[in-house]
Every structure is written in C-alpha cells, then in structure tokens.
Amino acid sequence: MYQHILLAADGSQNSIRAAKEALKIALIHAETLVTIIFIIDMEKAKTDVLHSSSNESLYMERRRKLVPIEELFNEHQVRYKVEIIHGSPGPEIIKYANTQNVDLVVIGSRGLNSLQEMVLGSVSHKVMKRVQCPAMLVK
C-alpha cells in the first residue's frame, strides 16, 4: 500500500478537503507517513515580508494555516511531518515528490474552468502531469 503520502497544503478549504482524503488512505495502513508540504511562493513572499511586523510573526502566520490539517492527523493518530519550502509551488511539489520516494501525491483543486486554467495555469494540473508516482486531485 502507500507508505509515504505527500499532501500539498496551503491552508485553503481545498487543501483541507485534500487532507481528509489523504487521511482516509493513511488510516488503512498504520505505517503510512504523510508529509504535509507548504510552499512559500517567492512572488508572494516579498509582499508578505513587507507587510509583516517580524520574521517570527510571518512564520507563525504561515504555520497557523496548517493547524486545522495537523489537528486532523493528530486526532486520528496518523504519522505526519511538515515541510516548508521556498519556491514556486508547482515545480517544488514535483521536485519533492520525484526525489523523496513518495508513493502518492494528494492535492486540492482550485476549481478553475478551462479558460482560466489555459490562461493562468494550475499548480494541480502541472503536478498531475509531471510527478512520477500516482496522484490524486481532490475537487
């Protein structure tokens, strides 16, 4: 079964739904490790730093976004770890999944329509196309 699940999370409702699906899978096998990956988008990070009172408060604000997901895994006693990485979300998730022996990637969908996805691109779409393991897109 799945020994290592990578959950891409950003604190949104879509990532919480994805976390619930990852949890269902992790509960099947007690030895499963879920890595919650949070990417600090470098384009948005500059603005965040300018509007933040300190680096510590900015870090705490980012960690606070993951609290509902961590509580979910703690409540069900599922092993997890959190990785916070700086970079561009799509490529960083792909790189992590392809280099860390991940068995399954679980990612939430933002729900873009065809035109929005074509014009804006989609992190989940990029990840689904480029990871070398099975991936689950949660709508």
N, C-alpha and C. Protein backbone atom coordinates (compact mmCIF):
# COMPACT_ATOMS: atom_id res chain seq x y z
N MET A 1 0.84 -1.18 0.00
CA MET A 1 0.00 0.00 0.00
C MET A 1 0.88 1.24 0.00
N TYR A 2 0.33 2.36 0.34
CA TYR A 2 1.07 3.62 0.32
C TYR A 2 1.82 3.81 1.64
N GLN A 3 3.14 3.86 1.56
CA GLN A 3 3.97 4.07 2.74
C GLN A 3 4.22 5.55 2.99
N HIS A 4 4.27 6.34 1.91
CA HIS A 4 4.60 7.76 2.03
C HIS A 4 3.66 8.57 1.13
N ILE A 5 2.81 9.38 1.74
CA ILE A 5 1.86 10.22 1.01
C ILE A 5 2.33 11.66 1.13
N LEU A 6 2.36 12.36 0.02
CA LEU A 6 2.69 13.79 0.02
C LEU A 6 1.40 14.57 -0.15
N LEU A 7 1.11 15.41 0.84
CA LEU A 7 -0.08 16.25 0.81
C LEU A 7 0.35 17.69 0.59
N ALA A 8 -0.04 18.25 -0.54
CA ALA A 8 0.26 19.66 -0.82
C ALA A 8 -0.82 20.50 -0.14
N ALA A 9 -0.39 21.41 0.73
CA ALA A 9 -1.36 22.18 1.51
C ALA A 9 -0.99 23.66 1.50
N ASP A 10 -2.03 24.49 1.47
CA ASP A 10 -1.81 25.94 1.54
C ASP A 10 -2.75 26.59 2.55
N GLY A 11 -3.51 25.78 3.27
CA GLY A 11 -4.43 26.31 4.26
C GLY A 11 -5.82 26.61 3.73
N SER A 12 -6.02 26.45 2.44
CA SER A 12 -7.32 26.73 1.83
C SER A 12 -8.30 25.61 2.14
N GLN A 13 -9.58 25.85 1.88
CA GLN A 13 -10.60 24.82 2.06
C GLN A 13 -10.33 23.63 1.13
N ASN A 14 -9.81 23.92 -0.06
CA ASN A 14 -9.49 22.82 -0.99
C ASN A 14 -8.39 21.93 -0.42
N SER A 15 -7.40 22.51 0.24
CA SER A 15 -6.34 21.68 0.80
C SER A 15 -6.82 20.92 2.03
N ILE A 16 -7.78 21.46 2.75
CA ILE A 16 -8.36 20.73 3.88
C ILE A 16 -9.16 19.53 3.38
N ARG A 17 -9.89 19.71 2.28
CA ARG A 17 -10.60 18.56 1.68
C ARG A 17 -9.59 17.51 1.21
N ALA A 18 -8.49 17.95 0.62
CA ALA A 18 -7.45 17.02 0.19
C ALA A 18 -6.86 16.28 1.39
N ALA A 19 -6.68 17.00 2.50
CA ALA A 19 -6.14 16.38 3.72
C ALA A 19 -7.07 15.27 4.22
N LYS A 20 -8.37 15.50 4.14
CA LYS A 20 -9.33 14.48 4.59
C LYS A 20 -9.24 13.23 3.74
N GLU A 21 -9.00 13.39 2.45
CA GLU A 21 -8.85 12.23 1.58
C GLU A 21 -7.53 11.51 1.86
N ALA A 22 -6.46 12.27 2.08
CA ALA A 22 -5.18 11.66 2.43
C ALA A 22 -5.29 10.90 3.75
N LEU A 23 -6.04 11.46 4.68
CA LEU A 23 -6.27 10.81 5.97
C LEU A 23 -6.96 9.46 5.79
N LYS A 24 -8.00 9.42 4.96
CA LYS A 24 -8.71 8.16 4.72
C LYS A 24 -7.76 7.08 4.23
N ILE A 25 -6.86 7.45 3.35
CA ILE A 25 -5.90 6.48 2.80
C ILE A 25 -4.89 6.08 3.86
N ALA A 26 -4.40 7.05 4.62
CA ALA A 26 -3.39 6.78 5.65
C ALA A 26 -3.93 5.88 6.76
N LEU A 27 -5.22 5.98 7.04
CA LEU A 27 -5.81 5.16 8.10
C LEU A 27 -5.85 3.68 7.75
N ILE A 28 -5.76 3.36 6.48
CA ILE A 28 -5.79 1.96 6.05
C ILE A 28 -4.53 1.22 6.49
N HIS A 29 -3.40 1.90 6.46
CA HIS A 29 -2.12 1.28 6.80
C HIS A 29 -1.46 2.09 7.91
N ALA A 30 -1.27 1.50 9.05
CA ALA A 30 -0.77 2.21 10.23
C ALA A 30 0.64 2.78 10.06
N GLU A 31 1.41 2.23 9.14
CA GLU A 31 2.80 2.67 8.96
C GLU A 31 2.94 3.83 7.98
N THR A 32 1.87 4.30 7.43
CA THR A 32 1.92 5.37 6.44
C THR A 32 2.40 6.67 7.08
N LEU A 33 3.30 7.34 6.37
CA LEU A 33 3.76 8.67 6.76
C LEU A 33 3.18 9.68 5.77
N VAL A 34 2.57 10.73 6.29
CA VAL A 34 2.04 11.79 5.45
C VAL A 34 2.97 13.00 5.61
N THR A 35 3.52 13.45 4.51
CA THR A 35 4.32 14.67 4.53
C THR A 35 3.43 15.79 4.03
N ILE A 36 3.23 16.79 4.88
CA ILE A 36 2.44 17.96 4.51
C ILE A 36 3.44 18.99 3.99
N ILE A 37 3.34 19.31 2.71
CA ILE A 37 4.28 20.26 2.12
C ILE A 37 3.58 21.60 1.91
N PHE A 38 4.20 22.64 2.43
CA PHE A 38 3.68 24.01 2.30
C PHE A 38 4.74 24.81 1.57
N ILE A 39 4.39 25.33 0.41
CA ILE A 39 5.34 26.08 -0.40
C ILE A 39 5.12 27.57 -0.18
N ILE A 40 6.18 28.26 0.19
CA ILE A 40 6.12 29.72 0.31
C ILE A 40 6.47 30.27 -1.06
N ASP A 41 5.45 30.74 -1.74
CA ASP A 41 5.59 31.26 -3.10
C ASP A 41 6.48 32.50 -3.06
N MET A 42 7.60 32.45 -3.74
CA MET A 42 8.56 33.55 -3.70
C MET A 42 7.99 34.86 -4.23
N GLU A 43 7.07 34.79 -5.18
CA GLU A 43 6.46 36.02 -5.71
C GLU A 43 5.61 36.71 -4.65
N LYS A 44 4.91 35.92 -3.83
CA LYS A 44 4.07 36.49 -2.78
C LYS A 44 4.85 36.76 -1.50
N ALA A 45 5.97 36.08 -1.32
CA ALA A 45 6.75 36.21 -0.08
C ALA A 45 7.28 37.62 0.11
N LYS A 46 7.68 38.27 -0.97
CA LYS A 46 8.21 39.63 -0.86
C LYS A 46 7.17 40.58 -0.27
N THR A 47 5.94 40.47 -0.74
CA THR A 47 4.85 41.29 -0.23
C THR A 47 4.55 40.95 1.23
N ASP A 48 4.56 39.67 1.55
CA ASP A 48 4.31 39.23 2.92
C ASP A 48 5.34 39.81 3.89
N VAL A 49 6.61 39.81 3.48
CA VAL A 49 7.68 40.32 4.33
C VAL A 49 7.50 41.82 4.56
N LEU A 50 7.13 42.53 3.52
CA LEU A 50 6.94 43.98 3.65
C LEU A 50 5.80 44.34 4.60
N HIS A 51 4.77 43.50 4.63
CA HIS A 51 3.60 43.78 5.47
C HIS A 51 3.65 43.13 6.84
N SER A 52 4.70 42.39 7.09
CA SER A 52 4.82 41.68 8.36
C SER A 52 5.59 42.52 9.38
N SER A 53 5.25 42.34 10.65
CA SER A 53 5.95 43.07 11.71
C SER A 53 7.30 42.44 12.03
N SER A 54 7.43 41.11 11.84
CA SER A 54 8.69 40.43 12.08
C SER A 54 8.71 39.10 11.35
N ASN A 55 9.89 38.54 11.20
CA ASN A 55 10.02 37.23 10.55
C ASN A 55 9.30 36.15 11.36
N GLU A 56 9.38 36.27 12.68
CA GLU A 56 8.74 35.28 13.55
C GLU A 56 7.22 35.31 13.40
N SER A 57 6.64 36.50 13.34
CA SER A 57 5.19 36.59 13.18
C SER A 57 4.75 36.08 11.82
N LEU A 58 5.58 36.32 10.80
CA LEU A 58 5.27 35.82 9.46
C LEU A 58 5.31 34.29 9.44
N TYR A 59 6.33 33.71 10.09
CA TYR A 59 6.43 32.25 10.18
C TYR A 59 5.22 31.67 10.91
N MET A 60 4.83 32.30 12.02
CA MET A 60 3.69 31.82 12.80
C MET A 60 2.39 31.91 11.99
N GLU A 61 2.25 32.95 11.21
CA GLU A 61 1.06 33.11 10.38
C GLU A 61 0.97 31.98 9.34
N ARG A 62 2.11 31.63 8.76
CA ARG A 62 2.14 30.55 7.78
C ARG A 62 1.83 29.21 8.44
N ARG A 63 2.42 28.96 9.60
CA ARG A 63 2.17 27.71 10.33
C ARG A 63 0.71 27.60 10.77
N ARG A 64 0.11 28.75 11.10
CA ARG A 64 -1.29 28.76 11.54
C ARG A 64 -2.23 28.24 10.44
N LYS A 65 -1.84 28.43 9.20
CA LYS A 65 -2.65 27.94 8.08
C LYS A 65 -2.73 26.41 8.07
N LEU A 66 -1.73 25.77 8.64
CA LEU A 66 -1.69 24.30 8.63
C LEU A 66 -2.30 23.67 9.87
N VAL A 67 -2.64 24.46 10.86
CA VAL A 67 -3.16 23.94 12.13
C VAL A 67 -4.38 23.03 11.94
N PRO A 68 -5.40 23.41 11.15
CA PRO A 68 -6.56 22.51 11.00
C PRO A 68 -6.18 21.14 10.43
N ILE A 69 -5.21 21.13 9.54
CA ILE A 69 -4.77 19.87 8.94
C ILE A 69 -4.00 19.04 9.96
N GLU A 70 -3.11 19.69 10.70
CA GLU A 70 -2.34 18.98 11.73
C GLU A 70 -3.27 18.42 12.81
N GLU A 71 -4.27 19.18 13.20
CA GLU A 71 -5.24 18.70 14.20
C GLU A 71 -5.97 17.46 13.70
N LEU A 72 -6.30 17.45 12.43
CA LEU A 72 -6.98 16.31 11.82
C LEU A 72 -6.13 15.04 11.94
N PHE A 73 -4.84 15.15 11.61
CA PHE A 73 -3.96 13.99 11.69
C PHE A 73 -3.68 13.60 13.14
N ASN A 74 -3.52 14.57 14.01
CA ASN A 74 -3.30 14.27 15.43
C ASN A 74 -4.50 13.55 16.04
N GLU A 75 -5.68 14.02 15.70
CA GLU A 75 -6.91 13.43 16.22
C GLU A 75 -7.02 11.94 15.87
N HIS A 76 -6.55 11.59 14.69
CA HIS A 76 -6.64 10.19 14.23
C HIS A 76 -5.32 9.44 14.40
N GLN A 77 -4.36 10.06 15.07
CA GLN A 77 -3.06 9.46 15.36
C GLN A 77 -2.36 8.93 14.12
N VAL A 78 -2.35 9.76 13.08
CA VAL A 78 -1.65 9.42 11.84
C VAL A 78 -0.30 10.13 11.86
N ARG A 79 0.75 9.37 11.52
CA ARG A 79 2.10 9.96 11.48
C ARG A 79 2.19 10.98 10.36
N TYR A 80 2.76 12.13 10.67
CA TYR A 80 2.95 13.16 9.65
C TYR A 80 4.15 14.01 10.00
N LYS A 81 4.64 14.70 9.00
CA LYS A 81 5.66 15.72 9.21
C LYS A 81 5.33 16.88 8.28
N VAL A 82 5.84 18.05 8.63
CA VAL A 82 5.57 19.26 7.86
C VAL A 82 6.87 19.72 7.22
N GLU A 83 6.82 20.00 5.94
CA GLU A 83 7.96 20.56 5.21
C GLU A 83 7.52 21.91 4.67
N ILE A 84 8.27 22.96 5.02
CA ILE A 84 8.00 24.29 4.49
C ILE A 84 9.16 24.64 3.58
N ILE A 85 8.83 24.91 2.33
CA ILE A 85 9.85 25.12 1.30
C ILE A 85 9.58 26.44 0.58
N HIS A 86 10.64 27.17 0.28
CA HIS A 86 10.54 28.40 -0.50
C HIS A 86 10.68 28.07 -1.98
N GLY A 87 9.85 28.68 -2.81
CA GLY A 87 9.97 28.47 -4.24
C GLY A 87 8.65 28.65 -4.95
N SER A 88 8.60 28.14 -6.15
CA SER A 88 7.38 28.18 -6.95
C SER A 88 6.60 26.89 -6.67
N PRO A 89 5.32 27.00 -6.30
CA PRO A 89 4.58 25.82 -5.82
C PRO A 89 4.63 24.59 -6.73
N GLY A 90 4.28 24.74 -7.98
CA GLY A 90 4.25 23.57 -8.87
C GLY A 90 5.57 22.83 -8.94
N PRO A 91 6.64 23.52 -9.38
CA PRO A 91 7.93 22.84 -9.50
C PRO A 91 8.46 22.28 -8.18
N GLU A 92 8.23 22.95 -7.07
CA GLU A 92 8.74 22.46 -5.78
C GLU A 92 8.00 21.20 -5.33
N ILE A 93 6.71 21.15 -5.55
CA ILE A 93 5.94 19.93 -5.20
C ILE A 93 6.42 18.77 -6.07
N ILE A 94 6.58 19.02 -7.35
CA ILE A 94 7.05 17.99 -8.29
C ILE A 94 8.43 17.49 -7.89
N LYS A 95 9.33 18.42 -7.62
CA LYS A 95 10.70 18.05 -7.24
C LYS A 95 10.71 17.20 -5.97
N TYR A 96 9.94 17.61 -4.97
CA TYR A 96 9.89 16.86 -3.72
C TYR A 96 9.33 15.45 -3.97
N ALA A 97 8.23 15.37 -4.68
CA ALA A 97 7.59 14.07 -4.94
C ALA A 97 8.52 13.13 -5.70
N ASN A 98 9.25 13.67 -6.66
CA ASN A 98 10.10 12.84 -7.52
C ASN A 98 11.43 12.47 -6.89
N THR A 99 11.80 13.11 -5.78
CA THR A 99 13.11 12.81 -5.17
C THR A 99 13.00 12.19 -3.78
N GLN A 100 11.81 12.09 -3.21
CA GLN A 100 11.68 11.63 -1.82
C GLN A 100 10.92 10.31 -1.67
N ASN A 101 10.91 9.48 -2.68
CA ASN A 101 10.24 8.18 -2.60
C ASN A 101 8.78 8.29 -2.15
N VAL A 102 8.07 9.21 -2.73
CA VAL A 102 6.65 9.39 -2.42
C VAL A 102 5.85 8.37 -3.22
N ASP A 103 4.89 7.75 -2.55
CA ASP A 103 4.04 6.75 -3.21
C ASP A 103 2.78 7.35 -3.80
N LEU A 104 2.33 8.46 -3.24
CA LEU A 104 1.09 9.10 -3.69
C LEU A 104 1.14 10.58 -3.37
N VAL A 105 0.74 11.41 -4.33
CA VAL A 105 0.60 12.85 -4.10
C VAL A 105 -0.89 13.16 -4.03
N VAL A 106 -1.29 13.90 -3.00
CA VAL A 106 -2.68 14.33 -2.87
C VAL A 106 -2.68 15.85 -2.88
N ILE A 107 -3.48 16.42 -3.77
CA ILE A 107 -3.50 17.87 -3.93
C ILE A 107 -4.93 18.32 -4.20
N GLY A 108 -5.29 19.46 -3.66
CA GLY A 108 -6.62 20.02 -3.88
C GLY A 108 -6.66 20.79 -5.18
N SER A 109 -7.83 20.85 -5.76
CA SER A 109 -8.06 21.60 -6.99
C SER A 109 -8.67 22.94 -6.63
N ARG A 110 -8.24 23.96 -7.32
CA ARG A 110 -8.79 25.28 -7.07
C ARG A 110 -10.11 25.48 -7.81
N GLY A 111 -10.42 24.61 -8.74
CA GLY A 111 -11.69 24.70 -9.43
C GLY A 111 -11.72 25.70 -10.58
N LEU A 112 -10.59 25.85 -11.26
CA LEU A 112 -10.58 26.75 -12.41
C LEU A 112 -11.37 26.15 -13.56
N ASN A 113 -12.03 27.00 -14.33
CA ASN A 113 -12.67 26.49 -15.53
C ASN A 113 -11.62 26.35 -16.64
N SER A 114 -11.96 25.80 -17.78
CA SER A 114 -11.00 25.52 -18.85
C SER A 114 -10.25 26.76 -19.30
N LEU A 115 -10.96 27.87 -19.47
CA LEU A 115 -10.34 29.10 -19.93
C LEU A 115 -9.38 29.64 -18.88
N GLN A 116 -9.79 29.67 -17.62
CA GLN A 116 -8.91 30.16 -16.55
C GLN A 116 -7.65 29.31 -16.46
N GLU A 117 -7.82 28.00 -16.57
CA GLU A 117 -6.66 27.11 -16.47
C GLU A 117 -5.72 27.32 -17.63
N MET A 118 -6.26 27.54 -18.83
CA MET A 118 -5.43 27.74 -20.00
C MET A 118 -4.65 29.06 -19.89
N VAL A 119 -5.30 30.10 -19.40
CA VAL A 119 -4.67 31.41 -19.29
C VAL A 119 -3.75 31.49 -18.07
N LEU A 120 -4.24 31.07 -16.91
CA LEU A 120 -3.50 31.22 -15.66
C LEU A 120 -2.56 30.06 -15.36
N GLY A 121 -2.90 28.90 -15.85
CA GLY A 121 -2.17 27.72 -15.44
C GLY A 121 -2.69 27.25 -14.11
N SER A 122 -2.37 26.05 -13.71
CA SER A 122 -2.87 25.49 -12.47
C SER A 122 -1.76 24.67 -11.83
N VAL A 123 -1.50 24.93 -10.56
CA VAL A 123 -0.48 24.17 -9.84
C VAL A 123 -0.84 22.69 -9.87
N SER A 124 -2.10 22.38 -9.57
CA SER A 124 -2.51 20.97 -9.52
C SER A 124 -2.36 20.31 -10.89
N HIS A 125 -2.66 21.03 -11.95
CA HIS A 125 -2.53 20.47 -13.30
C HIS A 125 -1.06 20.19 -13.62
N LYS A 126 -0.18 21.10 -13.28
CA LYS A 126 1.25 20.91 -13.51
C LYS A 126 1.76 19.70 -12.72
N VAL A 127 1.33 19.61 -11.47
CA VAL A 127 1.77 18.50 -10.61
C VAL A 127 1.28 17.17 -11.18
N MET A 128 0.02 17.11 -11.55
CA MET A 128 -0.56 15.86 -12.08
C MET A 128 0.19 15.37 -13.33
N LYS A 129 0.63 16.30 -14.14
CA LYS A 129 1.31 15.93 -15.38
C LYS A 129 2.75 15.48 -15.17
N ARG A 130 3.40 15.98 -14.11
CA ARG A 130 4.85 15.80 -14.02
C ARG A 130 5.36 14.91 -12.89
N VAL A 131 4.51 14.54 -11.93
CA VAL A 131 5.01 13.65 -10.88
C VAL A 131 5.14 12.24 -11.43
N GLN A 132 6.08 11.50 -10.86
CA GLN A 132 6.38 10.15 -11.36
C GLN A 132 5.71 9.06 -10.53
N CYS A 133 4.74 9.43 -9.73
CA CYS A 133 4.01 8.47 -8.92
C CYS A 133 2.51 8.76 -9.09
N PRO A 134 1.67 7.90 -8.59
CA PRO A 134 0.23 8.19 -8.66
C PRO A 134 -0.10 9.51 -7.94
N ALA A 135 -1.11 10.18 -8.43
CA ALA A 135 -1.53 11.44 -7.83
C ALA A 135 -3.04 11.49 -7.77
N MET A 136 -3.54 12.11 -6.69
CA MET A 136 -4.99 12.25 -6.51
C MET A 136 -5.32 13.73 -6.47
N LEU A 137 -6.23 14.15 -7.32
CA LEU A 137 -6.70 15.52 -7.35
C LEU A 137 -8.05 15.55 -6.67
N VAL A 138 -8.16 16.35 -5.61
CA VAL A 138 -9.40 16.41 -4.84
C VAL A 138 -10.12 17.71 -5.18
N LYS A 139 -11.35 17.56 -5.68
CA LYS A 139 -12.13 18.75 -6.05
C LYS A 139 -12.89 19.27 -4.88
